[in-house]
Amino acid sequence: MSRFSKAVFLQFYGTVGAGIFALPYLFHRSNFSFSLIFLLILTLITGFLNYFYLEIVLNTEGDHQFSGYAQIYLGKRFKTLASLNILLLGLGATIAYIKLFSAFLVILFPNIPLFSASVIFIILLGVSHLYRFDLLRRLENIIPVVILLIPLLLFSAALQTPPPSLDSVVPNLSLFGSLIFALSGFTVIPEIEEIFRGRPKKYKTTILASLLGLLLVSLVYMIFSFSVIRISGFNLSTDSITGIFRIYPWLGRCLAVFGLLITHEASLNFLLVFRELFYRDLHLSKSASQILPLIIPVLSLFLFPIPFIQIISLTGAITIYVSALMICAIRLKINHRPLTILLSILIFLSLTLGLLLEFG
């Protein structure tokens, strides 16, 4: 895989996670056409936000994570705020991953209790995190292709089913939290920059790769949501796959494997972000930085009863809003060009409106 393709796919599968399984249910509860427009608007806002963060990474010497940039440009208090914010985002995401992984594993093995499935997930995640096997490294080049192909195959199957009414529901403005959560992948941007470090035309290539990865995410969300709604019909479930399993058990099992793959990889990506946060920004030892991220999945077990969609909605609305404000503030520290100021205001107003809609 070329460096450019690797960077595009890193942004792609570093973004796709628990949110993809919530969107069909949320789109169905709202007006489908409205939901697509909302998705496109938030993709544009997220694209600007990712672009700002890329400029921060590209214009700052050294290896850092989000809290490191916050300290450099805004001070130690904001470093603490950024660290806590990323940990909260990771905690919410991990709770969602555990709930999804457990539900998908039960589809494949119905006799496993949900709590036991959760423990299996944490053990598997811990082993994968501590011992990155050669097989896992090779699969990292294949997994993004699989994540692209499965929704396309599902779409072709959906076209063979009778179309339901997708636009008969009144638009629901509380989609914001879940949508912005599903689109947020800024935490992998420092890793994308590393791929092109020392290469010619690094600036333009890094930005292009990241934006293409985000566009792929948005496209896959559209295809997946349409397909799941059409195939599930009245059996649509909050996790997308359980409902399909009730109608087409074979297809549900295949999609459960797909879900296990996504949740496992997305969780590993967050553990990598935590490791880099502890090592590069909080200056802990390598061994401590490797082990401490595993506390997050274990802690998630105690918060397991929180509903899946509620946790990603709350997590997305709050943590992405705080992150966005800090990214804009840092970007304005670098320069005050009129376009930068205008885009910062646009991001602030858009996300503030979304937050009000989420909790209004």
Protein backbone atom coordinates (compact mmCIF):
# COMPACT_ATOMS: atom_id res chain seq x y z
CA MET A 1 0.00 0.00 0.00
CA SER A 2 1.35 3.45 -0.94
CA ARG A 3 1.90 6.09 1.74
CA PHE A 4 -0.99 8.15 0.38
CA SER A 5 -3.42 5.21 0.39
CA LYS A 6 -2.29 4.24 3.87
CA ALA A 7 -2.93 7.79 5.11
CA VAL A 8 -6.40 7.95 3.49
CA PHE A 9 -7.38 4.61 5.01
CA LEU A 10 -5.95 5.59 8.39
CA GLN A 11 -8.23 8.63 8.48
CA PHE A 12 -11.08 6.45 7.22
CA TYR A 13 -10.93 3.56 9.67
CA GLY A 14 -9.65 5.85 12.43
CA THR A 15 -13.02 7.62 12.15
CA VAL A 16 -15.47 4.80 11.47
CA GLY A 17 -16.46 3.23 14.77
CA ALA A 18 -19.52 2.82 16.96
CA GLY A 19 -21.34 5.68 15.24
CA ILE A 20 -21.92 3.77 12.00
CA PHE A 21 -24.19 1.29 13.79
CA ALA A 22 -26.32 4.02 15.43
CA LEU A 23 -26.95 6.11 12.32
CA PRO A 24 -29.52 3.88 10.53
CA TYR A 25 -31.78 3.88 13.61
CA LEU A 26 -31.37 7.63 14.10
CA PHE A 27 -31.91 8.36 10.41
CA HIS A 28 -35.07 6.24 10.50
CA ARG A 29 -36.39 8.18 13.51
CA SER A 30 -35.89 11.40 11.58
CA ASN A 31 -36.63 12.42 8.04
CA PHE A 32 -34.10 10.52 5.92
CA SER A 33 -33.45 13.31 3.42
CA PHE A 34 -33.04 15.81 6.26
CA SER A 35 -30.61 13.42 7.98
CA LEU A 36 -28.47 13.18 4.84
CA ILE A 37 -28.34 16.96 4.53
CA PHE A 38 -27.43 17.23 8.22
CA LEU A 39 -24.70 14.63 7.67
CA LEU A 40 -23.26 16.58 4.73
CA ILE A 41 -23.28 19.86 6.70
CA LEU A 42 -21.48 18.27 9.66
CA THR A 43 -19.02 16.59 7.26
CA LEU A 44 -18.16 20.05 5.95
CA ILE A 45 -17.76 21.45 9.47
CA THR A 46 -15.65 18.44 10.52
CA GLY A 47 -13.54 18.87 7.38
CA PHE A 48 -12.72 22.46 8.37
CA LEU A 49 -11.95 21.31 11.91
CA ASN A 50 -9.64 18.54 10.71
CA TYR A 51 -7.96 21.02 8.36
CA PHE A 52 -7.29 23.37 11.28
CA TYR A 53 -5.84 20.57 13.37
CA LEU A 54 -3.68 19.42 10.46
CA GLU A 55 -2.28 22.94 10.12
CA ILE A 56 -1.48 22.96 13.83
CA VAL A 57 0.33 19.62 13.58
CA LEU A 58 2.21 20.63 10.43
CA ASN A 59 3.31 23.98 11.87
CA THR A 60 4.54 22.64 15.23
CA GLU A 61 7.88 20.93 15.82
CA GLY A 62 8.02 17.61 17.62
CA ASP A 63 5.65 14.70 18.25
CA HIS A 64 2.56 15.58 20.28
CA GLN A 65 -1.02 14.61 20.84
CA PHE A 66 -3.91 17.03 21.32
CA SER A 67 -3.04 17.93 24.93
CA GLY A 68 0.57 18.64 23.92
CA TYR A 69 -0.54 21.22 21.36
CA ALA A 70 -2.91 22.71 23.92
CA GLN A 71 -0.01 23.22 26.34
CA ILE A 72 2.29 24.74 23.71
CA TYR A 73 -0.22 27.32 22.51
CA LEU A 74 -2.70 27.79 25.38
CA GLY A 75 -0.90 26.82 28.57
CA LYS A 76 -0.87 24.06 31.20
CA ARG A 77 -4.50 24.48 32.28
CA PHE A 78 -5.69 23.81 28.77
CA LYS A 79 -3.37 20.83 28.57
CA THR A 80 -5.19 19.37 31.56
CA LEU A 81 -8.57 20.20 30.02
CA ALA A 82 -7.56 18.63 26.69
CA SER A 83 -6.28 15.47 28.41
CA LEU A 84 -9.47 15.06 30.43
CA ASN A 85 -11.58 15.73 27.34
CA ILE A 86 -9.80 13.06 25.28
CA LEU A 87 -10.07 10.58 28.15
CA LEU A 88 -13.81 11.30 28.41
CA LEU A 89 -14.22 10.85 24.66
CA GLY A 90 -12.32 7.58 24.84
CA LEU A 91 -14.33 6.37 27.81
CA GLY A 92 -17.64 7.06 26.07
CA ALA A 93 -16.44 5.44 22.85
CA THR A 94 -15.15 2.37 24.70
CA ILE A 95 -18.48 1.88 26.49
CA ALA A 96 -20.18 1.96 23.08
CA TYR A 97 -17.66 -0.50 21.62
CA ILE A 98 -18.12 -2.93 24.53
CA LYS A 99 -21.90 -2.86 24.19
CA LEU A 100 -21.74 -3.38 20.43
CA PHE A 101 -19.07 -6.09 20.55
CA SER A 102 -21.05 -7.97 23.19
CA ALA A 103 -24.28 -7.79 21.17
CA PHE A 104 -22.55 -8.97 18.00
CA LEU A 105 -20.75 -11.80 19.78
CA VAL A 106 -24.07 -13.00 21.23
CA ILE A 107 -25.47 -13.15 17.68
CA LEU A 108 -22.70 -15.59 16.78
CA PHE A 109 -22.75 -17.46 20.11
CA PRO A 110 -26.26 -17.11 21.64
CA ASN A 111 -25.38 -18.97 24.85
CA ILE A 112 -22.79 -16.40 25.98
CA PRO A 113 -24.10 -13.95 28.63
CA LEU A 114 -23.64 -10.27 27.73
CA PHE A 115 -21.33 -9.62 30.66
CA SER A 116 -19.12 -12.57 29.71
CA ALA A 117 -19.00 -11.25 26.15
CA SER A 118 -17.83 -7.90 27.54
CA VAL A 119 -15.05 -9.56 29.51
CA ILE A 120 -13.98 -11.47 26.39
CA PHE A 121 -13.79 -8.18 24.51
CA ILE A 122 -11.58 -6.56 27.16
CA ILE A 123 -9.23 -9.57 27.27
CA LEU A 124 -8.97 -9.70 23.48
CA LEU A 125 -8.41 -5.95 23.31
CA GLY A 126 -5.73 -6.07 26.01
CA VAL A 127 -3.82 -8.88 24.29
CA SER A 128 -4.03 -7.12 20.91
CA HIS A 129 -2.84 -3.85 22.45
CA LEU A 130 0.10 -5.30 24.38
CA TYR A 131 1.21 -7.75 21.68
CA ARG A 132 0.78 -6.34 18.18
CA PHE A 133 1.12 -9.59 16.25
CA ASP A 134 2.47 -9.61 12.69
CA LEU A 135 -0.92 -10.91 11.54
CA LEU A 136 -2.65 -7.86 13.03
CA ARG A 137 -0.21 -5.52 11.29
CA ARG A 138 -0.90 -7.19 7.96
CA LEU A 139 -4.64 -7.04 8.53
CA GLU A 140 -4.40 -3.28 9.06
CA ASN A 141 -3.92 -2.95 5.29
CA ILE A 142 -6.94 -5.16 4.57
CA ILE A 143 -9.44 -3.97 7.19
CA PRO A 144 -10.18 -0.56 5.53
CA VAL A 145 -10.95 -2.35 2.24
CA VAL A 146 -13.31 -4.72 4.05
CA ILE A 147 -15.04 -1.77 5.77
CA LEU A 148 -15.58 -0.25 2.32
CA LEU A 149 -16.74 -3.44 0.60
CA ILE A 150 -19.27 -4.64 3.17
CA PRO A 151 -21.54 -1.55 2.92
CA LEU A 152 -21.35 -1.76 -0.89
CA LEU A 153 -22.40 -5.43 -0.84
CA LEU A 154 -25.14 -4.58 1.65
CA PHE A 155 -26.30 -1.78 -0.67
CA SER A 156 -26.60 -4.18 -3.61
CA ALA A 157 -28.70 -6.50 -1.43
CA ALA A 158 -30.85 -3.59 -0.25
CA LEU A 159 -31.75 -2.70 -3.84
CA GLN A 160 -33.40 -6.11 -4.17
CA THR A 161 -35.85 -5.42 -1.30
CA PRO A 162 -39.08 -3.37 -1.47
CA PRO A 163 -38.41 0.30 -0.66
CA PRO A 164 -39.87 1.59 2.63
CA SER A 165 -41.04 5.15 3.14
CA LEU A 166 -37.92 7.01 4.25
CA ASP A 167 -39.22 10.57 4.40
CA SER A 168 -42.54 10.20 6.22
CA VAL A 169 -41.13 11.17 9.63
CA VAL A 170 -40.78 14.71 10.97
CA PRO A 171 -37.10 15.85 11.07
CA ASN A 172 -35.42 15.25 14.41
CA LEU A 173 -32.88 17.93 15.29
CA SER A 174 -31.28 15.93 18.13
CA LEU A 175 -29.09 14.00 15.67
CA PHE A 176 -26.18 16.33 16.34
CA GLY A 177 -24.38 14.47 19.12
CA SER A 178 -24.39 11.08 17.41
CA LEU A 179 -23.49 12.49 14.01
CA ILE A 180 -20.57 14.59 15.22
CA PHE A 181 -19.35 11.60 17.25
CA ALA A 182 -19.51 9.39 14.16
CA LEU A 183 -17.53 11.92 12.09
CA SER A 184 -14.86 12.83 14.63
CA GLY A 185 -11.49 11.33 13.76
CA PHE A 186 -9.12 14.18 14.57
CA THR A 187 -7.28 12.06 17.14
CA VAL A 188 -5.53 10.07 14.36
CA ILE A 189 -4.30 13.15 12.50
CA PRO A 190 -0.86 13.24 14.21
CA GLU A 191 -0.33 9.65 13.01
CA ILE A 192 -1.24 10.69 9.46
CA GLU A 193 1.36 13.45 9.60
CA GLU A 194 4.00 10.89 10.61
CA ILE A 195 3.35 8.90 7.42
CA PHE A 196 4.45 11.85 5.25
CA ARG A 197 7.15 13.23 7.53
CA GLY A 198 10.24 14.16 5.53
CA ARG A 199 8.48 13.56 2.21
CA PRO A 200 8.19 16.14 -0.61
CA LYS A 201 4.95 18.13 -0.78
CA LYS A 202 4.09 16.90 2.72
CA TYR A 203 1.75 19.79 3.50
CA LYS A 204 -0.67 19.40 0.57
CA THR A 205 -0.51 15.59 0.52
CA THR A 206 -1.31 15.26 4.23
CA ILE A 207 -4.31 17.57 4.00
CA LEU A 208 -5.63 15.88 0.85
CA ALA A 209 -5.30 12.39 2.36
CA SER A 210 -7.14 13.38 5.53
CA LEU A 211 -9.99 15.10 3.69
CA LEU A 212 -10.42 12.17 1.28
CA GLY A 213 -10.59 9.81 4.25
CA LEU A 214 -13.36 11.92 5.80
CA LEU A 215 -15.31 11.99 2.51
CA LEU A 216 -15.10 8.20 2.35
CA VAL A 217 -16.49 8.02 5.87
CA SER A 218 -19.47 10.19 4.96
CA LEU A 219 -20.17 8.18 1.80
CA VAL A 220 -20.05 4.87 3.67
CA TYR A 221 -22.41 6.24 6.35
CA MET A 222 -24.95 7.19 3.67
CA ILE A 223 -24.79 3.81 1.94
CA PHE A 224 -24.84 1.81 5.16
CA SER A 225 -27.76 3.75 6.68
CA PHE A 226 -29.89 3.48 3.54
CA SER A 227 -29.14 -0.24 3.18
CA VAL A 228 -29.81 -1.19 6.80
CA ILE A 229 -33.10 0.72 6.91
CA ARG A 230 -34.28 -0.83 3.66
CA ILE A 231 -33.34 -4.40 4.58
CA SER A 232 -34.52 -4.23 8.21
CA GLY A 233 -37.90 -2.63 7.60
CA PHE A 234 -39.96 -2.78 10.80
CA ASN A 235 -37.26 -4.88 12.50
CA LEU A 236 -34.72 -2.06 12.60
CA SER A 237 -32.66 -2.20 15.82
CA THR A 238 -30.54 0.42 17.59
CA ASP A 239 -27.35 -1.48 16.72
CA SER A 240 -28.46 -2.09 13.07
CA ILE A 241 -27.35 -5.73 12.93
CA THR A 242 -29.62 -7.42 15.49
CA GLY A 243 -32.68 -6.39 13.49
CA ILE A 244 -31.28 -7.81 10.26
CA PHE A 245 -30.40 -11.04 12.08
CA ARG A 246 -34.08 -11.56 12.98
CA ILE A 247 -35.04 -11.55 9.28
CA TYR A 248 -31.93 -12.96 7.57
CA PRO A 249 -29.87 -14.95 10.12
CA TRP A 250 -27.06 -15.69 7.66
CA LEU A 251 -26.68 -12.03 6.71
CA GLY A 252 -26.91 -10.99 10.36
CA ARG A 253 -24.06 -13.35 11.28
CA CYS A 254 -21.88 -12.00 8.46
CA LEU A 255 -22.56 -8.44 9.56
CA ALA A 256 -21.88 -9.40 13.19
CA VAL A 257 -18.36 -10.45 12.15
CA PHE A 258 -18.06 -7.11 10.34
CA GLY A 259 -19.17 -5.35 13.54
CA LEU A 260 -16.69 -7.26 15.68
CA LEU A 261 -13.92 -6.24 13.31
CA ILE A 262 -14.83 -2.54 13.39
CA THR A 263 -15.29 -2.31 17.16
CA HIS A 264 -12.03 -4.14 17.82
CA GLU A 265 -10.01 -1.95 15.46
CA ALA A 266 -11.65 1.28 16.60
CA SER A 267 -10.90 0.39 20.22
CA LEU A 268 -7.27 -0.35 19.37
CA ASN A 269 -7.00 3.05 17.70
CA PHE A 270 -8.21 4.77 20.87
CA LEU A 271 -5.77 2.79 23.01
CA LEU A 272 -2.99 3.95 20.68
CA VAL A 273 -4.10 7.57 21.16
CA PHE A 274 -4.09 7.09 24.94
CA ARG A 275 -0.63 5.52 24.81
CA GLU A 276 0.74 8.46 22.83
CA LEU A 277 -1.00 10.89 25.19
CA PHE A 278 0.60 9.33 28.27
CA TYR A 279 4.03 8.98 26.66
CA ARG A 280 4.48 12.12 24.54
CA ASP A 281 2.37 14.70 26.38
CA LEU A 282 2.26 13.50 29.99
CA HIS A 283 5.86 12.15 29.79
CA LEU A 284 5.23 8.81 31.49
CA SER A 285 7.50 5.82 30.88
CA LYS A 286 6.95 3.60 27.85
CA SER A 287 5.80 0.65 29.96
CA ALA A 288 3.36 2.78 31.98
CA SER A 289 2.05 4.42 28.80
CA GLN A 290 1.44 0.97 27.33
CA ILE A 291 -0.42 -0.43 30.35
CA LEU A 292 -2.41 2.56 31.66
CA PRO A 293 -4.77 2.79 28.61
CA LEU A 294 -6.18 -0.62 29.55
CA ILE A 295 -7.78 0.97 32.61
CA ILE A 296 -10.30 2.67 30.30
CA PRO A 297 -11.97 -0.56 29.03
CA VAL A 298 -12.04 -2.00 32.57
CA LEU A 299 -13.62 1.20 33.90
CA SER A 300 -16.19 1.02 31.10
CA LEU A 301 -17.61 -2.18 32.57
CA PHE A 302 -18.94 -0.23 35.56
CA LEU A 303 -20.80 2.17 33.23
CA PHE A 304 -22.13 -0.60 31.01
CA PRO A 305 -25.88 -0.04 31.74
CA ILE A 306 -25.90 3.35 29.96
CA PRO A 307 -27.80 2.98 26.63
CA PHE A 308 -25.58 2.77 23.55
CA ILE A 309 -27.04 5.69 21.58
CA GLN A 310 -27.28 7.92 24.65
CA ILE A 311 -23.60 7.49 25.51
CA ILE A 312 -22.32 8.35 22.02
CA SER A 313 -24.75 11.28 21.75
CA LEU A 314 -23.67 12.82 25.06
CA THR A 315 -20.00 12.05 24.49
CA GLY A 316 -20.01 13.45 20.98
CA ALA A 317 -21.92 16.62 21.80
CA ILE A 318 -19.74 17.61 24.75
CA THR A 319 -16.23 16.40 23.96
CA ILE A 320 -16.16 17.35 20.27
CA TYR A 321 -17.52 20.80 21.13
CA VAL A 322 -14.75 21.38 23.69
CA SER A 323 -12.10 19.98 21.33
CA ALA A 324 -13.34 22.16 18.46
CA LEU A 325 -13.16 25.35 20.54
CA MET A 326 -9.60 24.56 21.60
CA ILE A 327 -8.52 23.69 18.04
CA CYS A 328 -9.92 26.99 16.76
CA ALA A 329 -8.23 28.91 19.59
CA ILE A 330 -4.87 27.27 18.82
CA ARG A 331 -5.26 27.89 15.10
CA LEU A 332 -5.93 31.58 15.74
CA LYS A 333 -2.75 31.69 17.82
CA ILE A 334 -0.75 30.67 14.74
CA ASN A 335 -2.18 33.43 12.52
CA HIS A 336 -5.15 35.79 12.29
CA ARG A 337 -5.90 35.68 8.58
CA PRO A 338 -9.47 36.82 7.78
CA LEU A 339 -10.36 33.38 6.36
CA THR A 340 -9.12 31.66 9.53
CA ILE A 341 -11.21 33.99 11.69
CA LEU A 342 -14.28 33.49 9.47
CA LEU A 343 -13.97 29.68 9.54
CA SER A 344 -13.44 29.70 13.31
CA ILE A 345 -16.62 31.72 13.80
CA LEU A 346 -18.48 29.38 11.44
CA ILE A 347 -17.33 26.28 13.37
CA PHE A 348 -18.16 27.88 16.72
CA LEU A 349 -21.66 28.99 15.70
CA SER A 350 -22.48 25.69 13.98
CA LEU A 351 -21.38 23.51 16.89
CA THR A 352 -23.00 25.80 19.46
CA LEU A 353 -26.29 25.56 17.56
CA GLY A 354 -25.89 21.77 17.37
CA LEU A 355 -25.27 21.58 21.10
CA LEU A 356 -28.39 23.63 21.82
CA LEU A 357 -30.44 21.39 19.54
CA GLU A 358 -29.06 18.28 21.25
CA PHE A 359 -30.05 19.39 24.74
CA GLY A 360 -32.89 21.74 23.86
